[in-house]
């Protein structure tokens, strides 16, 4: 049986999932394409969460997509891949 190479489809505004700007840890892991446990152990050190105030309670922690994109770009650069243009 011959393996078929997977060709990723270019995402446009119609096929790309809509992500909120502030992601929970689980959503951030999914956005980065890694498991939640791997994210906890590795990514959150580089892309720190932002505390969003919640009156009378502890701040809700969210990861900004911009920070996650920057972390992913840095990882690509370490591998020698070109950075994406903004």
PDB file of N, CA and C in Angstrom:
ATOM      1  N   UNK A   1       0.836  -1.165   0.000  1.00  0.00           N
ATOM      2  CA  UNK A   1       0.000   0.000   0.000  1.00  0.00           C
ATOM      3  C   UNK A   1       0.893   1.243   0.000  1.00  0.00           C
ATOM      4  N   UNK A   2       0.607   2.205  -0.858  1.00  0.00           N
ATOM      5  CA  UNK A   2       1.399   3.422  -0.969  1.00  0.00           C
ATOM      6  C   UNK A   2       0.823   4.509  -0.079  1.00  0.00           C
ATOM      7  N   UNK A   3       1.696   5.159   0.666  1.00  0.00           N
ATOM      8  CA  UNK A   3       1.247   6.263   1.520  1.00  0.00           C
ATOM      9  C   UNK A   3       1.017   7.500   0.663  1.00  0.00           C
ATOM     10  N   UNK A   4      -0.047   8.196   0.949  1.00  0.00           N
ATOM     11  CA  UNK A   4      -0.361   9.423   0.230  1.00  0.00           C
ATOM     12  C   UNK A   4       0.072  10.594   1.092  1.00  0.00           C
ATOM     13  N   UNK A   5       0.873  11.468   0.519  1.00  0.00           N
ATOM     14  CA  UNK A   5       1.340  12.632   1.268  1.00  0.00           C
ATOM     15  C   UNK A   5       0.174  13.586   1.500  1.00  0.00           C
ATOM     16  N   UNK A   6       0.055  14.058   2.717  1.00  0.00           N
ATOM     17  CA  UNK A   6      -1.003  15.000   3.059  1.00  0.00           C
ATOM     18  C   UNK A   6      -0.585  16.399   2.622  1.00  0.00           C
ATOM     19  N   UNK A   7      -1.397  17.021   1.836  1.00  0.00           N
ATOM     20  CA  UNK A   7      -1.148  18.396   1.409  1.00  0.00           C
ATOM     21  C   UNK A   7      -2.076  19.315   2.191  1.00  0.00           C
ATOM     22  N   UNK A   8      -1.528  20.138   3.077  1.00  0.00           N
ATOM     23  CA  UNK A   8      -2.400  21.026   3.842  1.00  0.00           C
ATOM     24  C   UNK A   8      -3.103  22.011   2.911  1.00  0.00           C
ATOM     25  N   UNK A   9      -4.345  22.261   3.213  1.00  0.00           N
ATOM     26  CA  UNK A   9      -5.134  23.196   2.431  1.00  0.00           C
ATOM     27  C   UNK A   9      -4.903  24.606   2.947  1.00  0.00           C
ATOM     28  N   UNK A  10      -4.735  25.541   2.043  1.00  0.00           N
ATOM     29  CA  UNK A  10      -4.579  26.933   2.459  1.00  0.00           C
ATOM     30  C   UNK A  10      -5.876  27.374   3.131  1.00  0.00           C
ATOM     31  N   UNK A  11      -5.745  28.034   4.262  1.00  0.00           N
ATOM     32  CA  UNK A  11      -6.938  28.486   4.966  1.00  0.00           C
ATOM     33  C   UNK A  11      -7.251  29.919   4.571  1.00  0.00           C
ATOM     34  N   UNK A  12      -8.498  30.159   4.314  1.00  0.00           N
ATOM     35  CA  UNK A  12      -8.937  31.520   4.071  1.00  0.00           C
ATOM     36  C   UNK A  12      -9.941  31.887   5.152  1.00  0.00           C
ATOM     37  N   UNK A  13     -10.526  33.055   5.057  1.00  0.00           N
ATOM     38  CA  UNK A  13     -11.433  33.504   6.109  1.00  0.00           C
ATOM     39  C   UNK A  13     -12.673  32.627   6.220  1.00  0.00           C
ATOM     40  N   UNK A  14     -12.977  31.842   5.196  1.00  0.00           N
ATOM     41  CA  UNK A  14     -14.151  30.977   5.252  1.00  0.00           C
ATOM     42  C   UNK A  14     -13.855  29.622   5.886  1.00  0.00           C
ATOM     43  N   UNK A  15     -12.619  29.134   5.776  1.00  0.00           N
ATOM     44  CA  UNK A  15     -12.291  27.808   6.305  1.00  0.00           C
ATOM     45  C   UNK A  15     -11.553  27.850   7.637  1.00  0.00           C
ATOM     46  N   UNK A  16     -10.960  28.971   7.981  1.00  0.00           N
ATOM     47  CA  UNK A  16     -10.199  29.093   9.227  1.00  0.00           C
ATOM     48  C   UNK A  16     -11.154  29.190  10.413  1.00  0.00           C
ATOM     49  N   UNK A  17     -10.889  28.439  11.477  1.00  0.00           N
ATOM     50  CA  UNK A  17     -11.759  28.563  12.654  1.00  0.00           C
ATOM     51  C   UNK A  17     -11.672  29.975  13.227  1.00  0.00           C
ATOM     52  N   UNK A  18     -12.729  30.431  13.797  1.00  0.00           N
ATOM     53  CA  UNK A  18     -12.717  31.754  14.451  1.00  0.00           C
ATOM     54  C   UNK A  18     -12.299  31.555  15.905  1.00  0.00           C
ATOM     55  N   UNK A  19     -11.171  32.120  16.255  1.00  0.00           N
ATOM     56  CA  UNK A  19     -10.651  32.012  17.614  1.00  0.00           C
ATOM     57  C   UNK A  19     -10.858  33.348  18.310  1.00  0.00           C
ATOM     58  N   UNK A  20     -11.224  33.324  19.586  1.00  0.00           N
ATOM     59  CA  UNK A  20     -11.259  34.584  20.337  1.00  0.00           C
ATOM     60  C   UNK A  20      -9.826  35.069  20.547  1.00  0.00           C
ATOM     61  N   UNK A  21      -9.627  36.343  20.799  1.00  0.00           N
ATOM     62  CA  UNK A  21      -8.270  36.860  21.001  1.00  0.00           C
ATOM     63  C   UNK A  21      -7.646  36.321  22.275  1.00  0.00           C
ATOM     64  N   UNK A  22      -8.453  36.045  23.293  1.00  0.00           N
ATOM     65  CA  UNK A  22      -7.952  35.496  24.542  1.00  0.00           C
ATOM     66  C   UNK A  22      -8.379  34.049  24.682  1.00  0.00           C
ATOM     67  N   UNK A  23      -7.408  33.139  24.699  1.00  0.00           N
ATOM     68  CA  UNK A  23      -7.704  31.708  24.723  1.00  0.00           C
ATOM     69  C   UNK A  23      -7.428  31.109  26.093  1.00  0.00           C
ATOM     70  N   UNK A  24      -8.261  30.156  26.480  1.00  0.00           N
ATOM     71  CA  UNK A  24      -7.974  29.390  27.690  1.00  0.00           C
ATOM     72  C   UNK A  24      -6.738  28.536  27.404  1.00  0.00           C
ATOM     73  N   UNK A  25      -6.197  27.916  28.440  1.00  0.00           N
ATOM     74  CA  UNK A  25      -5.016  27.073  28.236  1.00  0.00           C
ATOM     75  C   UNK A  25      -5.324  25.920  27.281  1.00  0.00           C
ATOM     76  N   UNK A  26      -6.487  25.320  27.430  1.00  0.00           N
ATOM     77  CA  UNK A  26      -6.884  24.212  26.554  1.00  0.00           C
ATOM     78  C   UNK A  26      -7.043  24.701  25.109  1.00  0.00           C
ATOM     79  N   UNK A  27      -7.683  25.851  24.916  1.00  0.00           N
ATOM     80  CA  UNK A  27      -7.851  26.408  23.572  1.00  0.00           C
ATOM     81  C   UNK A  27      -6.502  26.787  22.970  1.00  0.00           C
ATOM     82  N   UNK A  28      -5.624  27.357  23.799  1.00  0.00           N
ATOM     83  CA  UNK A  28      -4.299  27.753  23.314  1.00  0.00           C
ATOM     84  C   UNK A  28      -3.506  26.537  22.853  1.00  0.00           C
ATOM     85  N   UNK A  29      -3.610  25.445  23.594  1.00  0.00           N
ATOM     86  CA  UNK A  29      -2.927  24.208  23.195  1.00  0.00           C
ATOM     87  C   UNK A  29      -3.474  23.723  21.859  1.00  0.00           C
ATOM     88  N   UNK A  30      -4.782  23.746  21.711  1.00  0.00           N
ATOM     89  CA  UNK A  30      -5.409  23.319  20.458  1.00  0.00           C
ATOM     90  C   UNK A  30      -4.974  24.236  19.309  1.00  0.00           C
ATOM     91  N   UNK A  31      -4.944  25.532  19.567  1.00  0.00           N
ATOM     92  CA  UNK A  31      -4.526  26.510  18.558  1.00  0.00           C
ATOM     93  C   UNK A  31      -3.098  26.218  18.078  1.00  0.00           C
ATOM     94  N   UNK A  32      -2.224  25.850  19.022  1.00  0.00           N
ATOM     95  CA  UNK A  32      -0.820  25.556  18.694  1.00  0.00           C
ATOM     96  C   UNK A  32      -0.634  24.144  18.142  1.00  0.00           C
ATOM     97  N   UNK A  33      -1.657  23.329  18.249  1.00  0.00           N
ATOM     98  CA  UNK A  33      -1.563  21.959  17.733  1.00  0.00           C
ATOM     99  C   UNK A  33      -0.796  21.010  18.623  1.00  0.00           C
ATOM    100  N   UNK A  34      -0.847  21.255  19.934  1.00  0.00           N
ATOM    101  CA  UNK A  34      -0.156  20.386  20.889  1.00  0.00           C
ATOM    102  C   UNK A  34      -1.142  19.950  21.969  1.00  0.00           C
ATOM    103  N   UNK A  35      -0.761  18.952  22.738  1.00  0.00           N
ATOM    104  CA  UNK A  35      -1.626  18.509  23.826  1.00  0.00           C
ATOM    105  C   UNK A  35      -1.610  19.542  24.950  1.00  0.00           C
ATOM    106  N   UNK A  36      -2.658  19.517  25.761  1.00  0.00           N
ATOM    107  CA  UNK A  36      -2.743  20.448  26.885  1.00  0.00           C
ATOM    108  C   UNK A  36      -1.585  20.241  27.859  1.00  0.00           C
ATOM    109  N   UNK A  37      -1.203  18.988  28.092  1.00  0.00           N
ATOM    110  CA  UNK A  37      -0.103  18.732  29.034  1.00  0.00           C
ATOM    111  C   UNK A  37       1.224  19.235  28.471  1.00  0.00           C
ATOM    112  N   UNK A  38       1.464  19.039  27.175  1.00  0.00           N
ATOM    113  CA  UNK A  38       2.700  19.537  26.573  1.00  0.00           C
ATOM    114  C   UNK A  38       2.715  21.053  26.621  1.00  0.00           C
ATOM    115  N   UNK A  39       1.582  21.675  26.361  1.00  0.00           N
ATOM    116  CA  UNK A  39       1.485  23.140  26.427  1.00  0.00           C
ATOM    117  C   UNK A  39       1.836  23.632  27.825  1.00  0.00           C
ATOM    118  N   UNK A  40       1.243  22.993  28.846  1.00  0.00           N
ATOM    119  CA  UNK A  40       1.510  23.392  30.235  1.00  0.00           C
ATOM    120  C   UNK A  40       2.990  23.314  30.561  1.00  0.00           C
ATOM    121  N   UNK A  41       3.660  22.280  30.069  1.00  0.00           N
ATOM    122  CA  UNK A  41       5.060  22.061  30.403  1.00  0.00           C
ATOM    123  C   UNK A  41       6.026  22.917  29.581  1.00  0.00           C
ATOM    124  N   UNK A  42       5.619  23.356  28.395  1.00  0.00           N
ATOM    125  CA  UNK A  42       6.561  24.011  27.502  1.00  0.00           C
ATOM    126  C   UNK A  42       6.163  25.410  27.044  1.00  0.00           C
ATOM    127  N   UNK A  43       5.018  25.530  26.449  1.00  0.00           N
ATOM    128  CA  UNK A  43       4.658  26.786  25.797  1.00  0.00           C
ATOM    129  C   UNK A  43       4.356  27.896  26.773  1.00  0.00           C
ATOM    130  N   UNK A  44       3.635  27.593  27.842  1.00  0.00           N
ATOM    131  CA  UNK A  44       3.195  28.667  28.732  1.00  0.00           C
ATOM    132  C   UNK A  44       4.359  29.437  29.354  1.00  0.00           C
ATOM    133  N   UNK A  45       5.542  28.864  29.335  1.00  0.00           N
ATOM    134  CA  UNK A  45       6.724  29.554  29.858  1.00  0.00           C
ATOM    135  C   UNK A  45       7.113  30.709  28.928  1.00  0.00           C
ATOM    136  N   UNK A  46       6.950  30.503  27.639  1.00  0.00           N
ATOM    137  CA  UNK A  46       7.324  31.506  26.644  1.00  0.00           C
ATOM    138  C   UNK A  46       6.195  32.489  26.341  1.00  0.00           C
ATOM    139  N   UNK A  47       4.990  31.987  26.203  1.00  0.00           N
ATOM    140  CA  UNK A  47       3.830  32.829  25.906  1.00  0.00           C
ATOM    141  C   UNK A  47       3.010  32.928  27.187  1.00  0.00           C
ATOM    142  N   UNK A  48       3.295  33.944  27.966  1.00  0.00           N
ATOM    143  CA  UNK A  48       2.666  34.059  29.282  1.00  0.00           C
ATOM    144  C   UNK A  48       1.207  34.516  29.158  1.00  0.00           C
ATOM    145  N   UNK A  49       0.337  33.985  30.019  1.00  0.00           N
ATOM    146  CA  UNK A  49      -1.062  34.397  29.964  1.00  0.00           C
ATOM    147  C   UNK A  49      -1.257  35.797  30.530  1.00  0.00           C
ATOM    148  N   UNK A  50      -2.339  36.403  30.119  1.00  0.00           N
ATOM    149  CA  UNK A  50      -2.718  37.732  30.591  1.00  0.00           C
ATOM    150  C   UNK A  50      -3.850  37.547  31.584  1.00  0.00           C
ATOM    151  N   UNK A  51      -3.769  38.222  32.712  1.00  0.00           N
ATOM    152  CA  UNK A  51      -4.844  38.151  33.708  1.00  0.00           C
ATOM    153  C   UNK A  51      -5.926  39.159  33.373  1.00  0.00           C
ATOM    154  N   UNK A  52      -7.117  38.664  33.075  1.00  0.00           N
ATOM    155  CA  UNK A  52      -8.242  39.536  32.775  1.00  0.00           C
ATOM    156  C   UNK A  52      -9.051  39.701  34.056  1.00  0.00           C
ATOM    157  N   UNK A  53      -9.246  40.961  34.495  1.00  0.00           N
ATOM    158  CA  UNK A  53      -9.939  41.174  35.772  1.00  0.00           C
ATOM    159  C   UNK A  53     -11.371  40.636  35.769  1.00  0.00           C
ATOM    160  N   UNK A  54     -11.741  40.069  36.888  1.00  0.00           N
ATOM    161  CA  UNK A  54     -13.103  39.595  37.094  1.00  0.00           C
ATOM    162  C   UNK A  54     -13.503  40.091  38.484  1.00  0.00           C
ATOM    163  N   UNK A  55     -14.421  41.052  38.565  1.00  0.00           N
ATOM    164  CA  UNK A  55     -14.748  41.681  39.852  1.00  0.00           C
ATOM    165  C   UNK A  55     -15.039  40.671  40.957  1.00  0.00           C
ATOM    166  N   UNK A  56     -14.338  40.838  42.081  1.00  0.00           N
ATOM    167  CA  UNK A  56     -14.548  39.998  43.249  1.00  0.00           C
ATOM    168  C   UNK A  56     -13.940  38.608  43.170  1.00  0.00           C
ATOM    169  N   UNK A  57     -13.237  38.305  42.080  1.00  0.00           N
ATOM    170  CA  UNK A  57     -12.646  36.976  41.911  1.00  0.00           C
ATOM    171  C   UNK A  57     -11.206  37.112  41.418  1.00  0.00           C
ATOM    172  N   UNK A  58     -10.516  35.971  41.372  1.00  0.00           N
ATOM    173  CA  UNK A  58      -9.173  35.965  40.802  1.00  0.00           C
ATOM    174  C   UNK A  58      -9.270  36.309  39.316  1.00  0.00           C
ATOM    175  N   UNK A  59      -8.229  36.929  38.767  1.00  0.00           N
ATOM    176  CA  UNK A  59      -8.249  37.211  37.322  1.00  0.00           C
ATOM    177  C   UNK A  59      -8.355  35.924  36.506  1.00  0.00           C
ATOM    178  N   UNK A  60      -9.038  36.011  35.403  1.00  0.00           N
ATOM    179  CA  UNK A  60      -9.158  34.890  34.474  1.00  0.00           C
ATOM    180  C   UNK A  60      -7.944  34.956  33.554  1.00  0.00           C
ATOM    181  N   UNK A  61      -7.203  33.857  33.457  1.00  0.00           N
ATOM    182  CA  UNK A  61      -6.001  33.845  32.627  1.00  0.00           C
ATOM    183  C   UNK A  61      -6.345  33.460  31.198  1.00  0.00           C
ATOM    184  N   UNK A  62      -5.856  34.262  30.257  1.00  0.00           N
ATOM    185  CA  UNK A  62      -6.070  33.993  28.840  1.00  0.00           C
ATOM    186  C   UNK A  62      -4.758  34.212  28.097  1.00  0.00           C
ATOM    187  N   UNK A  63      -4.567  33.433  27.040  1.00  0.00           N
ATOM    188  CA  UNK A  63      -3.386  33.551  26.181  1.00  0.00           C
ATOM    189  C   UNK A  63      -3.776  34.343  24.941  1.00  0.00           C
ATOM    190  N   UNK A  64      -2.991  35.379  24.641  1.00  0.00           N
ATOM    191  CA  UNK A  64      -3.263  36.197  23.460  1.00  0.00           C
ATOM    192  C   UNK A  64      -2.764  35.481  22.212  1.00  0.00           C
ATOM    193  N   UNK A  65      -3.589  35.469  21.175  1.00  0.00           N
ATOM    194  CA  UNK A  65      -3.217  34.828  19.921  1.00  0.00           C
ATOM    195  C   UNK A  65      -1.922  35.431  19.379  1.00  0.00           C
ATOM    196  N   UNK A  66      -1.753  36.723  19.524  1.00  0.00           N
ATOM    197  CA  UNK A  66      -0.544  37.385  19.022  1.00  0.00           C
ATOM    198  C   UNK A  66       0.709  36.809  19.683  1.00  0.00           C
ATOM    199  N   UNK A  67       0.631  36.535  20.994  1.00  0.00           N
ATOM    200  CA  UNK A  67       1.771  35.961  21.714  1.00  0.00           C
ATOM    201  C   UNK A  67       2.034  34.526  21.264  1.00  0.00           C
ATOM    202  N   UNK A  68       0.969  33.771  21.040  1.00  0.00           N
ATOM    203  CA  UNK A  68       1.127  32.393  20.573  1.00  0.00           C
ATOM    204  C   UNK A  68       1.709  32.372  19.166  1.00  0.00           C
ATOM    205  N   UNK A  69       1.240  33.279  18.299  1.00  0.00           N
ATOM    206  CA  UNK A  69       1.792  33.359  16.942  1.00  0.00           C
ATOM    207  C   UNK A  69       3.278  33.709  16.979  1.00  0.00           C
ATOM    208  N   UNK A  70       3.654  34.638  17.859  1.00  0.00           N
ATOM    209  CA  UNK A  70       5.067  35.021  17.976  1.00  0.00           C
ATOM    210  C   UNK A  70       5.897  33.832  18.451  1.00  0.00           C
ATOM    211  N   UNK A  71       5.378  33.065  19.415  1.00  0.00           N
ATOM    212  CA  UNK A  71       6.091  31.882  19.904  1.00  0.00           C
ATOM    213  C   UNK A  71       6.252  30.866  18.776  1.00  0.00           C
ATOM    214  N   UNK A  72       5.178  30.626  18.017  1.00  0.00           N
ATOM    215  CA  UNK A  72       5.254  29.683  16.901  1.00  0.00           C
ATOM    216  C   UNK A  72       6.255  30.160  15.848  1.00  0.00           C
ATOM    217  N   UNK A  73       6.273  31.462  15.569  1.00  0.00           N
ATOM    218  CA  UNK A  73       7.235  32.009  14.611  1.00  0.00           C
ATOM    219  C   UNK A  73       8.669  31.826  15.106  1.00  0.00           C
ATOM    220  N   UNK A  74       8.893  32.041  16.409  1.00  0.00           N
ATOM    221  CA  UNK A  74      10.234  31.848  16.984  1.00  0.00           C
ATOM    222  C   UNK A  74      10.670  30.388  16.858  1.00  0.00           C
ATOM    223  N   UNK A  75       9.740  29.460  17.077  1.00  0.00           N
ATOM    224  CA  UNK A  75      10.062  28.036  16.926  1.00  0.00           C
ATOM    225  C   UNK A  75      10.453  27.729  15.486  1.00  0.00           C
ATOM    226  N   UNK A  76       9.724  28.291  14.539  1.00  0.00           N
ATOM    227  CA  UNK A  76      10.022  28.075  13.123  1.00  0.00           C
ATOM    228  C   UNK A  76      11.392  28.656  12.785  1.00  0.00           C
ATOM    229  N   UNK A  77      11.700  29.828  13.332  1.00  0.00           N
ATOM    230  CA  UNK A  77      12.990  30.467  13.061  1.00  0.00           C
ATOM    231  C   UNK A  77      14.142  29.620  13.594  1.00  0.00           C
ATOM    232  N   UNK A  78      13.942  28.972  14.744  1.00  0.00           N
ATOM    233  CA  UNK A  78      14.975  28.115  15.314  1.00  0.00           C
ATOM    234  C   UNK A  78      15.261  26.925  14.403  1.00  0.00           C
ATOM    235  N   UNK A  79      14.243  26.482  13.648  1.00  0.00           N
ATOM    236  CA  UNK A  79      14.401  25.387  12.716  1.00  0.00           C
ATOM    237  C   UNK A  79      14.927  25.859  11.367  1.00  0.00           C
ATOM    238  N   UNK A  80      15.077  27.180  11.209  1.00  0.00           N
ATOM    239  CA  UNK A  80      15.582  27.716   9.961  1.00  0.00           C
ATOM    240  C   UNK A  80      14.494  28.073   8.960  1.00  0.00           C
ATOM    241  N   UNK A  81      13.231  27.952   9.360  1.00  0.00           N
ATOM    242  CA  UNK A  81      12.139  28.319   8.470  1.00  0.00           C
ATOM    243  C   UNK A  81      11.990  29.842   8.461  1.00  0.00           C
ATOM    244  N   UNK A  82      11.613  30.428   7.339  1.00  0.00           N
ATOM    245  CA  UNK A  82      11.442  31.877   7.292  1.00  0.00           C
ATOM    246  C   UNK A  82      10.259  32.302   8.154  1.00  0.00           C
ATOM    247  N   UNK A  83      10.373  33.497   8.753  1.00  0.00           N
ATOM    248  CA  UNK A  83       9.256  34.064   9.540  1.00  0.00           C
ATOM    249  C   UNK A  83       8.162  34.489   8.590  1.00  0.00           C
ATOM    250  N   UNK A  84       6.929  34.380   9.049  1.00  0.00           N
ATOM    251  CA  UNK A  84       5.818  34.818   8.218  1.00  0.00           C
ATOM    252  C   UNK A  84       5.742  36.326   8.224  1.00  0.00           C
ATOM    253  N   UNK A  85       5.244  36.893   7.162  1.00  0.00           N
ATOM    254  CA  UNK A  85       5.100  38.353   7.134  1.00  0.00           C
ATOM    255  C   UNK A  85       3.769  38.723   7.729  1.00  0.00           C
ATOM    256  N   UNK A  86       3.719  39.850   8.433  1.00  0.00           N
ATOM    257  CA  UNK A  86       2.481  40.291   9.098  1.00  0.00           C
ATOM    258  C   UNK A  86       1.639  41.093   8.156  1.00  0.00           C
TER     259      UNK A  86
END
